[in-house]
C-alpha atoms as a PDB file:
ATOM      1  CA  MET A   1      -2.345   0.739   0.928  1.00  0.00           C
ATOM      2  CA  GLU A   2      -0.555   2.856   3.528  1.00  0.00           C
ATOM      3  CA  LEU A   3      -2.636   4.448   6.145  1.00  0.00           C
ATOM      4  CA  ILE A   4      -2.594   8.247   6.339  1.00  0.00           C
ATOM      5  CA  GLU A   5      -1.345   8.475   9.753  1.00  0.00           C
ATOM      6  CA  ASN A   6       1.711   6.301   8.677  1.00  0.00           C
ATOM      7  CA  THR A   7       2.118   8.876   5.757  1.00  0.00           C
ATOM      8  CA  TYR A   8       2.600  11.667   7.989  1.00  0.00           C
ATOM      9  CA  PHE A   9       3.605  10.268  11.530  1.00  0.00           C
ATOM     10  CA  GLY A  10       6.338   8.127  12.943  1.00  0.00           C
ATOM     11  CA  TRP A  11       8.984   9.541  10.638  1.00  0.00           C
ATOM     12  CA  ASN A  12      12.023  10.858  12.496  1.00  0.00           C
ATOM     13  CA  PRO A  13      14.422  13.693  11.143  1.00  0.00           C
ATOM     14  CA  LEU A  14      17.943  12.820  10.931  1.00  0.00           C
ATOM     15  CA  ALA A  15      19.775  15.094  13.401  1.00  0.00           C
ATOM     16  CA  HIS A  16      22.491  17.753  12.648  1.00  0.00           C
ATOM     17  CA  ALA A  17      25.130  18.715  14.906  1.00  0.00           C
ATOM     18  CA  VAL A  18      24.054  20.917  17.735  1.00  0.00           C
ATOM     19  CA  GLY A  19      24.487  24.510  16.563  1.00  0.00           C
ATOM     20  CA  CYS A  20      24.474  23.668  13.001  1.00  0.00           C
ATOM     21  CA  PRO A  21      24.003  27.185  11.262  1.00  0.00           C
ATOM     22  CA  THR A  22      22.167  25.812   8.325  1.00  0.00           C
ATOM     23  CA  PRO A  23      20.328  22.427   9.135  1.00  0.00           C
ATOM     24  CA  VAL A  24      19.787  21.505   5.546  1.00  0.00           C
ATOM     25  CA  TRP A  25      21.032  18.323   3.795  1.00  0.00           C
ATOM     26  CA  ASP A  26      23.381  19.319   0.780  1.00  0.00           C
ATOM     27  CA  ASP A  27      23.428  16.028  -0.904  1.00  0.00           C
ATOM     28  CA  ALA A  28      21.345  12.927  -0.715  1.00  0.00           C
ATOM     29  CA  GLU A  29      23.199  10.121  -2.626  1.00  0.00           C
ATOM     30  CA  VAL A  30      22.208   6.395  -3.084  1.00  0.00           C
ATOM     31  CA  LEU A  31      24.597   3.473  -3.860  1.00  0.00           C
ATOM     32  CA  HIS A  32      23.523   0.137  -5.059  1.00  0.00           C
ATOM     33  CA  GLU A  33      26.139  -2.559  -4.704  1.00  0.00           C
ATOM     34  CA  GLU A  34      26.645  -6.228  -4.049  1.00  0.00           C
ATOM     35  CA  GLY A  35      27.833  -7.442  -0.801  1.00  0.00           C
ATOM     36  CA  VAL A  36      29.656 -10.694  -0.045  1.00  0.00           C
ATOM     37  CA  ARG A  37      28.831 -12.745   2.788  1.00  0.00           C
ATOM     38  CA  PRO A  38      31.807 -14.241   4.933  1.00  0.00           C
ATOM     39  CA  LEU A  39      32.108 -17.999   4.487  1.00  0.00           C
ATOM     40  CA  ALA A  40      31.813 -19.988   7.956  1.00  0.00           C
ATOM     41  CA  GLY A  41      34.340 -22.699   8.225  1.00  0.00           C
ATOM     42  CA  SER A  42      34.363 -23.318   4.513  1.00  0.00           C
ATOM     43  CA  THR A  43      35.823 -21.856   1.181  1.00  0.00           C
ATOM     44  CA  GLU A  44      32.822 -23.162  -0.609  1.00  0.00           C
ATOM     45  CA  PRO A  45      30.261 -20.713  -1.895  1.00  0.00           C
ATOM     46  CA  HIS A  46      26.788 -21.051  -0.719  1.00  0.00           C
ATOM     47  CA  GLY A  47      24.883 -23.278  -3.052  1.00  0.00           C
ATOM     48  CA  CYS A  48      21.292 -23.856  -1.954  1.00  0.00           C
ATOM     49  CA  THR A  49      18.975 -25.311  -4.484  1.00  0.00           C
ATOM     50  CA  ASN A  50      15.935 -23.560  -2.757  1.00  0.00           C
ATOM     51  CA  GLY A  51      15.094 -20.653  -5.189  1.00  0.00           C
ATOM     52  CA  ALA A  52      13.681 -18.641  -2.295  1.00  0.00           C
ATOM     53  CA  CYS A  53      16.713 -18.914  -0.229  1.00  0.00           C
ATOM     54  CA  THR A  54      17.907 -15.707   1.126  1.00  0.00           C
ATOM     55  CA  HIS A  55      21.441 -16.917   2.144  1.00  0.00           C
ATOM     56  CA  ALA A  56      23.189 -16.495  -1.180  1.00  0.00           C
ATOM     57  CA  THR A  57      26.935 -15.804  -1.107  1.00  0.00           C
ATOM     58  CA  THR A  58      26.150 -12.362  -2.520  1.00  0.00           C
ATOM     59  CA  PHE A  59      23.129 -10.015  -1.808  1.00  0.00           C
ATOM     60  CA  GLY A  60      21.957  -6.713  -3.214  1.00  0.00           C
ATOM     61  CA  ARG A  61      22.594  -3.774  -0.712  1.00  0.00           C
ATOM     62  CA  VAL A  62      21.436  -0.278  -0.979  1.00  0.00           C
ATOM     63  CA  ARG A  63      23.057   2.464   0.996  1.00  0.00           C
ATOM     64  CA  LEU A  64      21.609   6.180   1.343  1.00  0.00           C
ATOM     65  CA  ARG A  65      24.077   8.847   2.365  1.00  0.00           C
ATOM     66  CA  LEU A  66      23.217  12.328   3.562  1.00  0.00           C
ATOM     67  CA  LEU A  67      25.693  15.043   4.078  1.00  0.00           C
ATOM     68  CA  CYS A  68      25.522  18.632   5.860  1.00  0.00           C
ATOM     69  CA  ARG A  69      28.587  20.591   4.885  1.00  0.00           C
ATOM     70  CA  ASP A  70      27.890  23.370   7.771  1.00  0.00           C
ATOM     71  CA  CYS A  71      28.136  21.009  10.579  1.00  0.00           C
ATOM     72  CA  ASP A  72      30.062  18.057   8.741  1.00  0.00           C
ATOM     73  CA  THR A  73      27.308  15.642   9.849  1.00  0.00           C
ATOM     74  CA  VAL A  74      27.086  12.437   7.598  1.00  0.00           C
ATOM     75  CA  HIS A  75      24.271   9.896   7.856  1.00  0.00           C
ATOM     76  CA  THR A  76      24.609   6.478   6.134  1.00  0.00           C
ATOM     77  CA  ILE A  77      21.597   4.145   5.963  1.00  0.00           C
ATOM     78  CA  SER A  78      22.055   0.906   4.604  1.00  0.00           C
ATOM     79  CA  ALA A  79      19.860  -2.426   4.214  1.00  0.00           C
ATOM     80  CA  GLU A  80      19.900  -5.629   2.338  1.00  0.00           C
ATOM     81  CA  GLY A  81      17.341  -5.932  -0.305  1.00  0.00           C
ATOM     82  CA  LEU A  82      16.055  -2.476   0.408  1.00  0.00           C
ATOM     83  CA  GLY A  83      13.166  -1.303  -1.995  1.00  0.00           C
ATOM     84  CA  GLN A  84      13.536   1.906  -3.582  1.00  0.00           C
ATOM     85  CA  ALA A  85      10.533   3.805  -5.285  1.00  0.00           C
ATOM     86  CA  MET A  86      10.456   7.212  -6.959  1.00  0.00           C
ATOM     87  CA  ALA A  87       6.958   9.058  -7.141  1.00  0.00           C
ATOM     88  CA  HIS A  88       5.293  12.231  -7.342  1.00  0.00           C
ATOM     89  CA  THR A  89       3.569  13.910  -4.495  1.00  0.00           C
ATOM     90  CA  SER A  90       0.305  13.449  -6.393  1.00  0.00           C
ATOM     91  CA  VAL A  91       0.701   9.682  -5.920  1.00  0.00           C
ATOM     92  CA  THR A  92       2.025   9.579  -2.143  1.00  0.00           C
ATOM     93  CA  GLY A  93      -0.210  12.632  -0.894  1.00  0.00           C
ATOM     94  CA  TRP A  94       2.686  13.490   1.523  1.00  0.00           C
ATOM     95  CA  GLY A  95       4.685  16.525   0.374  1.00  0.00           C
ATOM     96  CA  GLN A  96       1.568  18.468  -1.104  1.00  0.00           C
ATOM     97  CA  PRO A  97       0.536  21.560   0.544  1.00  0.00           C
ATOM     98  CA  PRO A  98      -2.593  21.484   2.796  1.00  0.00           C
ATOM     99  CA  ARG A  99      -5.982  22.657   1.314  1.00  0.00           C
ATOM    100  CA  ARG A 100      -7.975  25.226   3.110  1.00  0.00           C
ATOM    101  CA  ILE A 101     -11.587  24.655   3.473  1.00  0.00           C
ATOM    102  CA  GLY A 102     -13.364  27.199   5.724  1.00  0.00           C
ATOM    103  CA  GLU A 103     -11.658  27.352   9.028  1.00  0.00           C
ATOM    104  CA  VAL A 104      -9.620  23.953   8.768  1.00  0.00           C
ATOM    105  CA  TRP A 105      -6.600  22.665   6.683  1.00  0.00           C
ATOM    106  CA  LEU A 106      -6.641  19.428   5.090  1.00  0.00           C
ATOM    107  CA  TRP A 107      -3.609  17.410   4.410  1.00  0.00           C
ATOM    108  CA  PRO A 108      -4.002  14.765   1.659  1.00  0.00           C
ATOM    109  CA  GLY A 109      -3.361  11.042   1.878  1.00  0.00           C
ATOM    110  CA  ARG A 110      -2.770   8.816  -1.000  1.00  0.00           C
ATOM    111  CA  PRO A 111      -5.348   8.943  -3.840  1.00  0.00           C
ATOM    112  CA  ALA A 112      -7.460   5.790  -4.265  1.00  0.00           C
ATOM    113  CA  ILE A 113      -6.559   5.495  -7.929  1.00  0.00           C
ATOM    114  CA  PRO A 114      -3.451   7.393  -9.715  1.00  0.00           C
ATOM    115  CA  GLY A 115      -4.715  10.691 -10.858  1.00  0.00           C
ATOM    116  CA  GLY A 116      -7.726  10.570  -8.442  1.00  0.00           C
ATOM    117  CA  ASP A 117      -8.470  12.500  -5.513  1.00  0.00           C
ATOM    118  CA  PRO A 118      -7.259  11.514  -2.081  1.00  0.00           C
ATOM    119  CA  HIS A 119      -9.773   9.264  -0.031  1.00  0.00           C
ATOM    120  CA  GLN A 120      -8.458  10.472   3.246  1.00  0.00           C
ATOM    121  CA  TYR A 121      -7.335  13.728   4.772  1.00  0.00           C
ATOM    122  CA  LEU A 122      -5.777  14.769   8.161  1.00  0.00           C
ATOM    123  CA  VAL A 123      -7.094  18.007   9.582  1.00  0.00           C
ATOM    124  CA  THR A 124      -5.494  20.809  11.560  1.00  0.00           C
ATOM    125  CA  ARG A 125      -6.718  24.284  12.594  1.00  0.00           C
ATOM    126  CA  GLN A 126      -3.537  25.992  11.113  1.00  0.00           C
ATOM    127  CA  ALA A 127      -1.408  25.562   8.062  1.00  0.00           C
ATOM    128  CA  ALA A 128       1.981  25.444   9.629  1.00  0.00           C
ATOM    129  CA  THR A 129       2.538  21.652   9.744  1.00  0.00           C
ATOM    130  CA  VAL A 130       0.492  18.643  10.484  1.00  0.00           C
ATOM    131  CA  THR A 131       2.044  16.746  13.471  1.00  0.00           C
ATOM    132  CA  GLU A 132       0.602  14.440  16.154  1.00  0.00           C
ATOM    133  CA  ALA A 133       0.376  17.667  18.471  1.00  0.00           C
ATOM    134  CA  THR A 134      -1.491  19.667  15.915  1.00  0.00           C
ATOM    135  CA  LEU A 135      -3.842  17.033  14.445  1.00  0.00           C
ATOM    136  CA  TYR A 136      -7.432  17.966  15.190  1.00  0.00           C
ATOM    137  CA  GLY A 137      -9.340  15.642  12.768  1.00  0.00           C
ATOM    138  CA  ILE A 138      -9.539  13.175   9.990  1.00  0.00           C
ATOM    139  CA  ILE A 139     -11.807  12.628   7.013  1.00  0.00           C
ATOM    140  CA  THR A 140     -12.323   9.440   5.180  1.00  0.00           C
ATOM    141  CA  ARG A 141     -14.501   8.565   1.948  1.00  0.00           C
ATOM    142  CA  TYR A 142     -16.378   5.346   1.939  1.00  0.00           C
ATOM    143  CA  ARG A 143     -19.251   3.839  -0.041  1.00  0.00           C
ATOM    144  CA  ASP A 144     -22.646   3.112   1.821  1.00  0.00           C
ATOM    145  CA  ALA A 145     -24.673   0.006   1.037  1.00  0.00           C
ATOM    146  CA  SER A 146     -26.090   1.485  -2.304  1.00  0.00           C
ATOM    147  CA  GLY A 147     -22.581   2.357  -3.538  1.00  0.00           C
ATOM    148  CA  ASN A 148     -22.851   6.032  -2.911  1.00  0.00           C
ATOM    149  CA  PRO A 149     -19.639   7.789  -1.901  1.00  0.00           C
ATOM    150  CA  LEU A 150     -19.761   9.510   1.444  1.00  0.00           C
ATOM    151  CA  TRP A 151     -17.415  11.127   3.981  1.00  0.00           C
ATOM    152  CA  ILE A 152     -17.025  10.356   7.624  1.00  0.00           C
ATOM    153  CA  ALA A 153     -15.377  13.040   9.882  1.00  0.00           C
ATOM    154  CA  ALA A 154     -13.840  12.606  13.224  1.00  0.00           C
ATOM    155  CA  ALA A 155     -12.401  15.354  15.546  1.00  0.00           C
ATOM    156  CA  VAL A 156     -10.323  15.677  18.649  1.00  0.00           C
ATOM    157  CA  PRO A 157      -7.852  12.815  19.038  1.00  0.00           C
ATOM    158  CA  ASP A 158      -8.493  10.986  22.104  1.00  0.00           C
ATOM    159  CA  PRO A 159      -6.800   7.615  23.077  1.00  0.00           C
ATOM    160  CA  ASP A 160      -9.971   6.861  25.192  1.00  0.00           C
ATOM    161  CA  GLY A 161     -12.243   8.311  22.733  1.00  0.00           C
ATOM    162  CA  ALA A 162     -15.537   6.379  21.720  1.00  0.00           C
ATOM    163  CA  HIS A 163     -14.812   6.428  17.964  1.00  0.00           C
ATOM    164  CA  GLN A 164     -12.377   4.779  15.835  1.00  0.00           C
ATOM    165  CA  VAL A 165     -11.321   6.000  12.420  1.00  0.00           C
ATOM    166  CA  SER A 166      -8.452   4.540  10.665  1.00  0.00           C
ATOM    167  CA  THR A 167      -6.169   3.295  13.468  1.00  0.00           C
ATOM    168  CA  LEU A 168      -6.931   6.462  15.640  1.00  0.00           C
ATOM    169  CA  ARG A 169      -9.352   7.075  18.216  1.00  0.00           C
ATOM    170  CA  TRP A 170     -11.424  10.316  18.248  1.00  0.00           C
ATOM    171  CA  ARG A 171     -13.723  11.979  20.862  1.00  0.00           C
ATOM    172  CA  TYR A 172     -16.399  12.759  18.131  1.00  0.00           C
ATOM    173  CA  SER A 173     -17.513  11.073  14.757  1.00  0.00           C
ATOM    174  CA  SER A 174     -19.990  12.293  12.300  1.00  0.00           C
ATOM    175  CA  ASN A 175     -22.534  10.426  10.250  1.00  0.00           C
ATOM    176  CA  GLY A 176     -21.982   9.965   6.505  1.00  0.00           C
ATOM    177  CA  LEU A 177     -21.621  13.403   4.706  1.00  0.00           C
ATOM    178  CA  ALA A 178     -22.381  14.076   1.123  1.00  0.00           C
ATOM    179  CA  GLU A 179     -19.480  16.479   0.416  1.00  0.00           C
ATOM    180  CA  LEU A 180     -15.772  16.951   1.524  1.00  0.00           C
ATOM    181  CA  GLU A 181     -16.713  20.431   2.479  1.00  0.00           C
ATOM    182  CA  ASP A 182     -19.419  19.304   4.698  1.00  0.00           C
ATOM    183  CA  ALA A 183     -17.001  17.246   6.416  1.00  0.00           C
ATOM    184  CA  ALA A 184     -14.439  20.029   6.792  1.00  0.00           C
ATOM    185  CA  ALA A 185     -17.222  22.217   8.265  1.00  0.00           C
ATOM    186  CA  TRP A 186     -18.308  19.584  10.683  1.00  0.00           C
ATOM    187  CA  ILE A 187     -14.648  19.337  12.095  1.00  0.00           C
ATOM    188  CA  ALA A 188     -14.339  23.018  12.245  1.00  0.00           C
ATOM    189  CA  ASP A 189     -17.501  23.119  14.392  1.00  0.00           C
ATOM    190  CA  ALA A 190     -16.483  20.080  16.820  1.00  0.00           C
ATOM    191  CA  GLU A 191     -16.160  21.105  20.480  1.00  0.00           C
ATOM    192  CA  LEU A 192     -16.887  24.790  19.860  1.00  0.00           C
ATOM    193  CA  PRO A 193     -18.494  26.213  23.121  1.00  0.00           C
ATOM    194  CA  ALA A 194     -22.236  26.522  22.603  1.00  0.00           C
ATOM    195  CA  VAL A 195     -23.526  30.066  22.101  1.00  0.00           C
ATOM    196  CA  ARG A 196     -26.279  30.881  24.622  1.00  0.00           C
ATOM    197  CA  THR A 197     -29.218  32.918  23.236  1.00  0.00           C
ATOM    198  CA  LEU A 198     -29.520  36.097  25.092  1.00  0.00           C
ATOM    199  CA  VAL A 199     -33.053  37.197  25.745  1.00  0.00           C
ATOM    200  CA  VAL A 200     -33.706  40.739  26.405  1.00  0.00           C
ATOM    201  CA  THR A 201     -37.079  41.903  27.987  1.00  0.00           C
ATOM    202  CA  VAL A 202     -38.106  45.287  28.017  1.00  0.00           C
END
């Protein structure tokens, strides 16, 4: 299963030309074709008896082409044996709007089973977008030794943090919490300045 940080981070936008008035891709087209390998020093086609051989004379190739008609930029991405999958945002998590719980926004990861709820969320303090710069926390569901579902929350990304949840390190981490709302509230309160009690004597 894909880690939630890989669902949201590490993807780079394809650049438009500098000054493009409308930086939106007009068309995204895909081409499936068969490529032919050049023969090295022989006119005989490749004929390996190994069924797992990837050096066949022909091979499947997929090319993805993006076009912006405003700046005339074209990106073509191709690969041999490139996998292609079509899915809905309810399956990938990515592409869904965030869910607000209290003072934080939860960005869903993949559901544990099709049609189920996500088992991980990235957390931000605003709804604009989730990036490595706006990331504030993570919530992950797990089961305890008795099989009861619980949530663990972590807050404040810190490469030197004492807590690791998924592949990321965090400054703070909670104990097991019964409800998703509890985990969101725990993150919302993380690293808030302590309120000093004012005592007035008369």
